[in-house]
């Protein structure tokens, strides 16, 4: 889980989803399908990133939870960092 100014981003690797919830009332704003194994999530610089431990993919999303890019970066990708 990670937080932005108006939303919380929750990754569910086994559920293959990244959910965006409003901070004010917790309502679900978006449920986006991501590669299986995307357990970790980080937010920064207006982007949300989630690596897939199972697939080795890195998914880059916008602040609303829409997929911008998906890249194959390794056989397994555990962590991601925004610099």
C-alpha atoms as a PDB file:
ATOM      1  CA  UNK A   1       0.000   0.000   0.000  1.00  0.00           C
ATOM      2  CA  UNK A   2       1.116   3.521  -0.741  1.00  0.00           C
ATOM      3  CA  UNK A   3      -0.510   6.942  -0.487  1.00  0.00           C
ATOM      4  CA  UNK A   4      -0.932   9.988  -2.690  1.00  0.00           C
ATOM      5  CA  UNK A   5      -2.453  13.334  -1.756  1.00  0.00           C
ATOM      6  CA  UNK A   6      -6.017  12.141  -2.406  1.00  0.00           C
ATOM      7  CA  UNK A   7      -5.845   8.361  -2.750  1.00  0.00           C
ATOM      8  CA  UNK A   8      -4.500   5.114  -1.326  1.00  0.00           C
ATOM      9  CA  UNK A   9      -3.123   2.515  -3.755  1.00  0.00           C
ATOM     10  CA  UNK A  10      -3.500  -1.100  -2.702  1.00  0.00           C
ATOM     11  CA  UNK A  11      -1.793  -3.929  -4.593  1.00  0.00           C
ATOM     12  CA  UNK A  12      -3.097  -7.487  -4.434  1.00  0.00           C
ATOM     13  CA  UNK A  13      -0.558  -9.716  -6.154  1.00  0.00           C
ATOM     14  CA  UNK A  14      -2.555 -12.909  -5.947  1.00  0.00           C
ATOM     15  CA  UNK A  15      -5.707 -11.029  -6.982  1.00  0.00           C
ATOM     16  CA  UNK A  16      -3.921  -9.425  -9.940  1.00  0.00           C
ATOM     17  CA  UNK A  17      -5.271  -5.986  -9.088  1.00  0.00           C
ATOM     18  CA  UNK A  18      -4.253  -2.512  -8.060  1.00  0.00           C
ATOM     19  CA  UNK A  19      -7.097  -0.704  -6.322  1.00  0.00           C
ATOM     20  CA  UNK A  20      -7.346   3.042  -5.876  1.00  0.00           C
ATOM     21  CA  UNK A  21      -9.354   4.222  -2.855  1.00  0.00           C
ATOM     22  CA  UNK A  22     -10.348   7.781  -1.960  1.00  0.00           C
ATOM     23  CA  UNK A  23      -8.642   8.937   1.240  1.00  0.00           C
ATOM     24  CA  UNK A  24     -11.669  10.883   2.458  1.00  0.00           C
ATOM     25  CA  UNK A  25     -14.214   8.069   2.566  1.00  0.00           C
ATOM     26  CA  UNK A  26     -12.374   4.934   1.386  1.00  0.00           C
ATOM     27  CA  UNK A  27     -14.614   4.403  -1.640  1.00  0.00           C
ATOM     28  CA  UNK A  28     -13.177   2.417  -4.518  1.00  0.00           C
ATOM     29  CA  UNK A  29     -12.232   4.735  -7.392  1.00  0.00           C
ATOM     30  CA  UNK A  30     -10.646   2.188  -9.733  1.00  0.00           C
ATOM     31  CA  UNK A  31      -9.707  -1.482  -9.857  1.00  0.00           C
ATOM     32  CA  UNK A  32      -6.986  -2.109 -12.455  1.00  0.00           C
ATOM     33  CA  UNK A  33      -5.742  -5.503 -13.599  1.00  0.00           C
ATOM     34  CA  UNK A  34      -1.962  -5.907 -13.215  1.00  0.00           C
ATOM     35  CA  UNK A  35       0.346  -8.934 -13.683  1.00  0.00           C
ATOM     36  CA  UNK A  36       0.046 -11.702 -11.109  1.00  0.00           C
ATOM     37  CA  UNK A  37       2.562 -11.289  -8.293  1.00  0.00           C
ATOM     38  CA  UNK A  38       2.281  -7.479  -8.124  1.00  0.00           C
ATOM     39  CA  UNK A  39       2.357  -7.297  -4.320  1.00  0.00           C
ATOM     40  CA  UNK A  40       4.412  -4.132  -3.805  1.00  0.00           C
ATOM     41  CA  UNK A  41       3.448  -0.625  -4.881  1.00  0.00           C
ATOM     42  CA  UNK A  42       5.127   2.797  -4.713  1.00  0.00           C
ATOM     43  CA  UNK A  43       3.940   6.259  -5.694  1.00  0.00           C
ATOM     44  CA  UNK A  44       5.978   9.327  -6.635  1.00  0.00           C
ATOM     45  CA  UNK A  45       6.379  11.994  -9.295  1.00  0.00           C
ATOM     46  CA  UNK A  46       2.757  11.567 -10.388  1.00  0.00           C
ATOM     47  CA  UNK A  47       3.201   7.865 -11.128  1.00  0.00           C
ATOM     48  CA  UNK A  48       2.334   4.615  -9.386  1.00  0.00           C
ATOM     49  CA  UNK A  49       4.668   1.639  -9.904  1.00  0.00           C
ATOM     50  CA  UNK A  50       4.160  -2.020  -9.108  1.00  0.00           C
ATOM     51  CA  UNK A  51       6.665  -4.809  -9.872  1.00  0.00           C
ATOM     52  CA  UNK A  52       5.599  -8.409 -10.369  1.00  0.00           C
ATOM     53  CA  UNK A  53       7.475 -10.957  -8.304  1.00  0.00           C
ATOM     54  CA  UNK A  54       6.010 -13.789 -10.393  1.00  0.00           C
ATOM     55  CA  UNK A  55       6.223 -12.321 -13.910  1.00  0.00           C
ATOM     56  CA  UNK A  56       9.155  -9.871 -13.698  1.00  0.00           C
ATOM     57  CA  UNK A  57       7.071  -7.065 -15.181  1.00  0.00           C
ATOM     58  CA  UNK A  58       7.027  -3.453 -14.026  1.00  0.00           C
ATOM     59  CA  UNK A  59       3.671  -1.711 -14.413  1.00  0.00           C
ATOM     60  CA  UNK A  60       3.593   2.087 -14.479  1.00  0.00           C
ATOM     61  CA  UNK A  61       0.240   3.743 -13.810  1.00  0.00           C
ATOM     62  CA  UNK A  62      -0.975   7.318 -13.530  1.00  0.00           C
ATOM     63  CA  UNK A  63      -2.391   8.770 -10.285  1.00  0.00           C
ATOM     64  CA  UNK A  64      -5.877   7.577 -11.268  1.00  0.00           C
ATOM     65  CA  UNK A  65      -4.697   3.973 -11.592  1.00  0.00           C
ATOM     66  CA  UNK A  66      -4.676   3.765 -15.403  1.00  0.00           C
ATOM     67  CA  UNK A  67      -1.879   1.675 -16.942  1.00  0.00           C
ATOM     68  CA  UNK A  68       0.594   3.825 -18.880  1.00  0.00           C
ATOM     69  CA  UNK A  69       3.318   1.212 -19.535  1.00  0.00           C
ATOM     70  CA  UNK A  70       4.157  -2.364 -18.739  1.00  0.00           C
ATOM     71  CA  UNK A  71       7.779  -3.441 -19.145  1.00  0.00           C
ATOM     72  CA  UNK A  72       9.472  -6.800 -18.792  1.00  0.00           C
ATOM     73  CA  UNK A  73      12.454  -6.015 -16.539  1.00  0.00           C
ATOM     74  CA  UNK A  74      13.593  -9.371 -15.104  1.00  0.00           C
ATOM     75  CA  UNK A  75      12.485 -12.927 -14.489  1.00  0.00           C
ATOM     76  CA  UNK A  76      11.271 -11.798 -11.038  1.00  0.00           C
ATOM     77  CA  UNK A  77      10.912  -8.208  -9.772  1.00  0.00           C
ATOM     78  CA  UNK A  78      10.414  -7.709  -6.040  1.00  0.00           C
ATOM     79  CA  UNK A  79      10.829  -3.994  -5.292  1.00  0.00           C
ATOM     80  CA  UNK A  80      10.605  -0.662  -7.042  1.00  0.00           C
ATOM     81  CA  UNK A  81      11.773   2.799  -6.051  1.00  0.00           C
ATOM     82  CA  UNK A  82      10.869   6.252  -7.366  1.00  0.00           C
ATOM     83  CA  UNK A  83      13.828   8.646  -7.489  1.00  0.00           C
END
